[in-house]
Protein backbone atom coordinates (compact mmCIF):
# COMPACT_ATOMS: atom_id res chain seq x y z
CA MET A 1 -33.50 44.54 28.74
CA PRO A 2 -30.76 46.36 26.64
CA SER A 3 -28.79 43.31 26.57
CA VAL A 4 -31.03 41.66 24.14
CA ASP A 5 -32.14 44.67 22.17
CA CYS A 6 -30.24 43.50 19.04
CA PRO A 7 -32.52 42.78 16.12
CA SER A 8 -29.48 41.54 14.00
CA LEU A 9 -28.73 38.80 16.38
CA ILE A 10 -29.77 35.65 14.80
CA ASN A 11 -32.08 33.19 16.45
CA ILE A 12 -29.62 30.64 17.75
CA ALA A 13 -32.12 28.23 19.07
CA VAL A 14 -33.63 27.65 15.83
CA ILE A 15 -30.49 27.09 14.06
CA SER A 16 -29.13 24.80 16.86
CA GLY A 17 -32.02 22.49 16.27
CA TYR A 18 -30.92 22.20 12.58
CA TYR A 19 -27.45 21.56 13.63
CA SER A 20 -28.56 18.86 16.11
CA GLN A 21 -30.37 16.96 13.30
CA MET A 22 -27.57 17.16 10.87
CA SER A 23 -24.97 15.91 13.50
CA GLY A 24 -27.33 12.97 14.17
CA VAL A 25 -27.41 12.23 10.43
CA LEU A 26 -23.55 12.38 10.23
CA ALA A 27 -23.34 10.08 13.25
CA GLY A 28 -25.40 7.51 11.58
CA PHE A 29 -23.08 7.69 8.64
CA ALA A 30 -19.96 7.17 10.72
CA PHE A 31 -21.78 4.16 12.61
CA THR A 32 -22.49 2.64 9.26
CA ALA A 33 -18.90 2.83 8.08
CA MET A 34 -17.67 1.14 11.41
CA VAL A 35 -20.17 -1.65 10.93
CA PHE A 36 -18.98 -2.08 7.50
CA LEU A 37 -15.43 -2.42 8.80
CA LEU A 38 -16.38 -4.77 11.59
CA ARG A 39 -18.15 -7.32 9.22
CA PRO A 40 -17.07 -11.02 9.64
CA ALA A 41 -15.54 -10.89 6.16
CA LYS A 42 -13.06 -8.15 7.47
CA ARG A 43 -11.86 -10.39 10.32
CA THR A 44 -9.14 -12.14 8.29
CA ARG A 45 -7.76 -8.82 7.02
CA ARG A 46 -7.76 -7.38 10.63
CA GLU A 47 -6.06 -10.46 12.09
CA GLY A 48 -3.40 -10.22 9.30
CA ARG A 49 -2.23 -6.86 10.08
CA LYS A 50 -3.13 -6.11 13.69
CA ARG A 51 -0.17 -3.77 14.31
CA ARG A 52 -0.88 -1.63 11.22
CA ALA A 53 -4.64 -1.63 10.82
CA GLY A 54 -7.08 0.46 12.92
CA GLY A 55 -6.46 4.01 11.77
CA GLU A 56 -9.66 4.39 9.66
CA LEU A 57 -11.72 2.59 12.57
CA LEU A 58 -10.39 4.79 15.30
CA ALA A 59 -10.96 7.97 13.29
CA LEU A 60 -14.56 6.87 12.65
CA PHE A 61 -15.14 5.96 16.13
CA ALA A 62 -13.90 9.27 17.42
CA ALA A 63 -16.05 11.08 14.72
CA PHE A 64 -19.08 9.06 15.84
CA VAL A 65 -18.63 9.89 19.60
CA ALA A 66 -17.95 13.66 18.85
CA LEU A 67 -21.07 13.73 16.72
CA VAL A 68 -23.32 12.22 19.32
CA ILE A 69 -21.91 14.72 21.72
CA THR A 70 -22.59 17.39 19.30
CA THR A 71 -26.01 16.08 18.83
CA LEU A 72 -26.72 16.38 22.52
CA ILE A 73 -25.25 19.84 23.29
CA TYR A 74 -27.10 21.39 20.25
CA SER A 75 -30.33 19.84 21.48
CA VAL A 76 -29.84 21.58 24.74
CA LEU A 77 -28.89 24.89 23.11
CA ALA A 78 -32.10 24.53 20.95
CA GLY A 79 -34.07 24.96 24.20
CA GLU A 80 -32.71 28.53 24.60
CA THR A 81 -35.75 30.13 23.31
CA ASP A 82 -36.08 33.02 25.82
CA ILE A 83 -35.06 36.39 24.19
CA ASP A 84 -33.32 37.31 27.35
CA ALA A 85 -30.99 34.24 27.05
CA ARG A 86 -29.60 35.11 23.81
CA PRO A 87 -26.16 36.25 25.18
CA ARG A 88 -25.79 33.01 26.94
CA ALA A 89 -26.87 31.16 23.69
CA ALA A 90 -24.26 33.06 21.78
CA THR A 91 -21.52 32.04 24.26
CA ALA A 92 -22.54 28.44 24.05
CA SER A 93 -22.79 28.30 20.41
CA ILE A 94 -19.11 29.18 19.93
CA VAL A 95 -18.15 26.55 22.46
CA ASN A 96 -20.34 23.90 20.89
CA GLY A 97 -18.89 24.80 17.41
CA VAL A 98 -15.51 23.32 18.67
CA VAL A 99 -16.91 19.78 18.93
CA PHE A 100 -18.81 20.04 15.68
CA GLY A 101 -15.75 20.90 13.70
CA LEU A 102 -13.54 18.29 15.26
CA ALA A 103 -16.19 15.69 14.55
CA VAL A 104 -16.27 16.67 10.83
CA ILE A 105 -12.45 16.55 10.63
CA MET A 106 -12.49 13.08 11.98
CA LEU A 107 -15.17 12.01 9.66
CA PHE A 108 -13.28 13.21 6.68
CA GLN A 109 -10.08 11.55 8.08
CA GLY A 110 -11.84 8.24 8.29
CA VAL A 111 -13.12 8.44 4.76
CA THR A 112 -9.75 9.53 3.53
CA LEU A 113 -7.90 6.47 5.20
CA LEU A 114 -10.61 4.27 3.71
CA MET A 115 -9.90 5.47 0.23
CA GLN A 116 -6.29 5.17 0.68
CA ARG A 117 -6.31 1.68 2.12
CA SER A 118 -8.39 0.74 -0.96
CA ALA A 119 -5.70 1.76 -3.31
CA VAL A 120 -7.87 4.14 -5.24
CA ASP A 121 -6.27 6.77 -7.70
CA ARG A 122 -3.57 8.86 -6.13
CA ALA A 123 -5.22 12.10 -7.33
CA VAL A 124 -8.39 11.36 -5.46
CA VAL A 125 -6.47 10.40 -2.44
CA ALA A 126 -4.24 13.51 -2.59
CA THR A 127 -7.46 15.71 -2.98
CA ALA A 128 -9.10 13.89 0.05
CA ARG A 129 -6.11 14.58 2.11
CA PHE A 130 -6.02 18.30 1.14
CA VAL A 131 -9.68 18.76 2.19
CA THR A 132 -9.16 16.80 5.41
CA VAL A 133 -5.99 18.54 6.53
CA VAL A 134 -6.29 22.23 5.21
CA ALA A 135 -9.76 22.80 3.97
CA VAL A 136 -11.99 21.36 6.69
CA PRO A 137 -9.94 22.79 9.69
CA ALA A 138 -9.92 26.12 8.19
CA LEU A 139 -13.60 26.14 7.66
CA ALA A 140 -14.08 24.77 11.15
CA TYR A 141 -12.24 27.60 12.57
CA ASN A 142 -13.89 30.37 10.49
CA TYR A 143 -17.24 28.86 11.59
CA VAL A 144 -16.32 29.59 15.17
CA VAL A 145 -14.88 32.93 14.17
CA ASN A 146 -18.26 33.87 12.66
CA GLY A 147 -19.94 32.80 15.88
CA THR A 148 -17.94 35.25 17.86
CA SER A 149 -19.83 37.97 16.03
CA ASP A 150 -22.87 37.11 17.94
CA VAL A 151 -20.97 37.40 21.21
CA VAL A 152 -19.66 40.77 20.06
CA ALA A 153 -23.08 41.96 19.10
CA ALA A 154 -24.62 40.93 22.31
CA ARG A 155 -21.94 42.64 24.26
CA ALA A 156 -22.29 45.86 22.17
CA ALA A 157 -26.06 45.90 22.87
CA LYS A 158 -25.47 46.38 26.68
CA VAL A 159 -23.84 49.77 26.10
CA GLY A 160 -25.29 51.21 22.99
CA PRO A 161 -26.54 50.19 19.49
CA CYS A 162 -26.04 46.69 18.48
CA GLU A 163 -23.14 46.49 15.96
CA PRO A 164 -22.13 43.01 15.08
CA SER A 165 -18.68 42.55 13.51
CA LEU A 166 -16.20 39.83 12.90
CA SER A 167 -13.09 39.49 14.81
CA GLY A 168 -10.25 40.74 12.91
CA MET A 169 -7.71 38.61 14.72
CA GLY A 170 -9.93 35.57 14.05
CA LEU A 171 -9.82 36.21 10.21
CA ILE A 172 -6.00 36.49 10.34
CA LEU A 173 -5.72 33.30 12.21
CA THR A 174 -8.07 31.61 9.79
CA ALA A 175 -5.75 32.46 6.89
CA ALA A 176 -2.60 31.55 8.98
CA LEU A 177 -4.16 28.33 9.89
CA ALA A 178 -4.90 27.28 6.14
CA ALA A 179 -1.18 28.39 5.27
CA VAL A 180 0.51 26.50 8.00
CA LEU A 181 -1.53 23.35 7.31
CA ALA A 182 -0.79 23.58 3.58
CA VAL A 183 2.88 23.74 4.29
CA SER A 184 2.59 20.59 6.54
CA LEU A 185 1.58 18.73 3.20
CA THR A 186 4.79 19.70 1.34
CA PRO A 187 7.34 17.01 0.59
CA ILE A 188 9.84 18.62 2.74
CA ALA A 189 7.53 18.46 5.82
CA GLN A 190 6.50 14.90 5.03
CA ARG A 191 10.00 13.68 4.86
CA ALA A 192 11.04 15.33 8.02
CA ALA A 193 8.33 13.79 10.28
CA TRP A 194 6.07 11.40 8.39
CA ARG A 195 7.97 8.10 8.64
CA LYS A 196 8.94 8.50 12.21
CA TYR A 197 5.75 9.57 13.81
CA SER A 198 2.99 8.38 11.45
CA PRO A 199 1.84 5.45 13.70
CA GLN A 200 1.69 7.52 16.82
CA PHE A 201 -0.23 10.33 15.05
CA GLN A 202 -2.78 7.88 13.84
CA VAL A 203 -3.78 7.04 17.42
CA ALA A 204 -2.92 10.51 18.87
CA ALA A 205 -5.29 12.43 16.59
CA PRO A 206 -8.55 10.63 17.39
CA ILE A 207 -7.69 10.37 21.13
CA THR A 208 -7.23 14.22 21.21
CA VAL A 209 -10.70 14.69 19.49
CA LEU A 210 -12.30 12.36 22.04
CA VAL A 211 -10.74 14.05 24.94
CA VAL A 212 -11.55 17.66 23.78
CA SER A 213 -15.12 16.67 22.89
CA VAL A 214 -15.77 15.43 26.44
CA ILE A 215 -14.20 18.64 27.92
CA VAL A 216 -16.13 20.83 25.71
CA ALA A 217 -19.46 19.08 26.58
CA ILE A 218 -18.78 19.69 30.18
CA VAL A 219 -18.15 23.43 29.65
CA SER A 220 -21.10 23.69 27.47
CA GLY A 221 -23.12 22.16 30.25
CA ASP A 222 -21.85 24.53 32.77
CA ILE A 223 -22.66 27.48 30.49
CA THR A 224 -26.24 26.54 30.15
CA VAL A 225 -26.79 26.86 33.89
CA ARG A 226 -25.23 30.41 34.21
CA SER A 227 -27.04 33.67 34.07
CA PRO A 228 -28.99 34.31 30.79
CA GLU A 229 -26.87 37.51 30.37
CA PHE A 230 -23.58 35.48 30.61
CA LEU A 231 -20.85 36.66 27.98
CA PRO A 232 -17.22 36.12 27.92
CA SER A 233 -14.98 39.12 27.97
CA PRO A 234 -13.13 40.38 24.98
CA THR A 235 -9.85 38.98 26.54
CA VAL A 236 -11.45 35.57 27.16
CA THR A 237 -12.87 35.54 23.66
CA ASN A 238 -9.52 36.30 22.01
CA ALA A 239 -7.74 33.52 24.02
CA PHE A 240 -10.45 31.09 23.13
CA LEU A 241 -9.61 31.89 19.39
CA VAL A 242 -5.97 31.36 19.98
CA GLY A 243 -6.47 28.14 21.87
CA TYR A 244 -8.72 26.82 19.19
CA PHE A 245 -6.20 27.89 16.48
CA ILE A 246 -3.32 26.00 18.20
CA LEU A 247 -5.55 22.96 18.59
CA LEU A 248 -6.50 22.71 14.93
CA ALA A 249 -3.04 23.43 13.84
CA LEU A 250 -1.77 20.51 15.95
CA LEU A 251 -4.53 18.27 14.89
CA GLY A 252 -3.98 19.09 11.17
CA PHE A 253 -0.23 18.47 11.45
CA MET A 254 -0.87 15.09 13.12
CA LEU A 255 -3.31 14.19 10.43
CA SER A 256 -0.87 15.40 7.71
CA CYS A 257 1.93 13.24 9.22
CA GLY A 258 -0.39 10.27 10.25
CA ASP A 259 -0.80 8.93 6.74
CA VAL A 260 -1.06 5.28 5.77
CA PRO A 261 2.53 4.05 4.86
CA GLN A 262 2.89 3.48 1.08
CA GLU A 263 4.09 -0.16 1.84
CA ASP A 264 0.72 -0.96 3.43
CA VAL A 265 -1.03 0.45 0.38
CA HIS A 266 1.05 -1.53 -2.06
CA GLU A 267 0.41 -4.74 0.02
CA THR A 268 -3.21 -4.04 0.00
CA ALA A 269 -3.39 -3.39 -3.51
CA SER A 270 -1.40 -6.80 -4.32
CA ARG A 271 -4.00 -8.62 -2.35
CA VAL A 272 -7.11 -7.27 -4.11
CA GLY A 273 -8.24 -9.48 -6.88
CA PRO A 274 -10.29 -8.36 -9.92
CA GLY A 275 -13.33 -10.52 -8.64
CA SER A 276 -13.06 -9.22 -5.05
CA ASP A 277 -15.24 -6.56 -3.72
CA GLU A 278 -13.32 -6.33 -0.39
CA PRO A 279 -10.45 -3.93 -0.03
CA GLY A 280 -7.44 -6.07 0.97
CA GLN A 281 -9.14 -9.37 0.35
CA ALA A 282 -7.46 -11.74 -2.06
CA SER A 283 -9.18 -13.28 -4.95
CA PRO A 284 -9.06 -17.10 -4.88
CA GLY A 285 -8.95 -17.62 -8.65
CA ARG A 286 -6.15 -15.07 -9.29
CA GLY A 287 -4.07 -16.45 -6.46
CA GLU A 288 -4.28 -19.93 -7.54
CA ALA A 289 -3.33 -19.04 -11.09
CA ALA A 290 -0.20 -16.96 -9.85
CA ARG A 291 0.87 -20.01 -7.80
CA ARG A 292 0.68 -22.19 -10.87
CA GLN A 293 2.64 -19.74 -12.91
CA ARG A 294 5.36 -19.46 -10.30
CA LYS A 295 5.59 -23.19 -10.09
CA GLN A 296 6.18 -23.52 -13.85
CA ARG A 297 8.83 -20.82 -13.98
CA GLN A 298 10.88 -22.36 -10.99
CA PRO A 299 13.82 -24.44 -12.05
CA PRO A 300 13.96 -28.03 -11.04
CA ALA A 301 15.70 -28.99 -7.96
CA ALA A 302 19.11 -30.72 -7.88
CA GLY A 303 17.41 -34.01 -6.75
CA ASP A 304 14.81 -33.70 -9.35
CA THR A 305 17.31 -33.16 -12.02
CA GLY A 306 19.42 -36.34 -11.02
CA GLN A 307 16.18 -38.39 -11.16
CA GLN A 308 15.38 -36.95 -14.58
CA SER A 309 18.77 -37.76 -15.87
CA GLY A 310 18.73 -41.34 -14.43
CA HIS A 311 15.40 -41.91 -16.34
CA GLY A 312 16.83 -40.70 -19.47
CA GLN A 313 19.93 -42.97 -19.40
CA ARG A 314 17.80 -46.00 -18.68
CA HIS A 315 15.49 -44.96 -21.53
CA ARG A 316 18.42 -44.87 -23.94
CA ARG A 317 19.69 -48.27 -22.77
CA VAL A 318 16.35 -49.74 -23.44
CA SER A 319 16.27 -48.17 -26.88
CA ASP A 320 19.73 -49.47 -27.72
CA GLY A 321 18.86 -53.09 -26.71
CA THR A 322 15.78 -53.08 -28.76
CA GLN A 323 17.78 -51.89 -31.88
CA ARG A 324 20.12 -54.74 -31.56
C-alpha cells in the first residue's frame, strides 16, 4: 500500500521496546526513592512537619505511576510490527511521548526537592531547578515535535514521495517554551507568585501529571484498536502541539513557584548534626552539648540570686565569728 512506502520512516516498534525498558528502570529508581523516604527512621521527621512535608514524596509517586503507565503503553506499541500499521504506530508514539515527558519531569522534581530539603549547596539546587523547570520540559516538548515528523512522513506517503520534515510551528513553540519557563525563574516572577501559591503548586503539579497520564493511557489504548492507516489531520496535529505546549508551560510554572520555603530549609539544616546521615534528623550529641552551653549562658533567676546572696551572708557571719 502507498501509505507505508516510506523507507525513511523509523521502525517505531523496535524503538518502543527500548523505551519500555528504560521506563521500567526509571520506575524502579522512583520506587526506591519512595521506600527510602518511607523508612521508619523518617517517621519522626514526617510527624514533626506534617503540613509542610510530602512534596518530594508526592512528586516521586506521580513519577512512579506515570513511568509504570509509560512502560505499559510502550510495550503495547512495541507489538506494532506490521509494516502496514506504521501510520497508526506513528500516531501512538507522539501520544505516548506526552506521558514519558511528564514522568521524567516529575522524577527530576522529586530529586530536586530531596536535594533542597537536605540543605545542599545553593548552586547545585539552582542548577537542578533550572534543569527541572526549563531544560527537561523543553526537551520533552522537542521529543514530541520530532515524533510528529513520522506522522507527516506517513501522511505524505499517501499522496506522493515520502518527505519527512519537522513542524515549523513545533520548533518555534519549543524555543518559546524554554524562554517562558526561564522567565518564571527570575526573582521578579518568584516574588510575585512564589510565597502565595507555593503549597498549592506542590500538590497541583503531581496531581496534574497523574490525571493527564491516565487520560493519555486511555487515548493510546483507543488508537491501537483503530485502522492501521489511522493518522491525525494536520489541524489536529497542530492543536495537539499547542495543547501540549500549554500543559508544559503551566506545569513548569507550577514547579518554578512550588518551591520549598527557605524557612523549612533552614529549619532542616539546623536539625542536621555532623554525625547524622538522615536529612532533617538531629544529632543527639550535638543537641545535648548545645543545651549545656545555653544553660551555662543563662543568667540566674531572681530566686536563685536571693538564695546565693543568703548563703553568702551566712558564710561571712560564720567567718567573722571564727576570727573573734
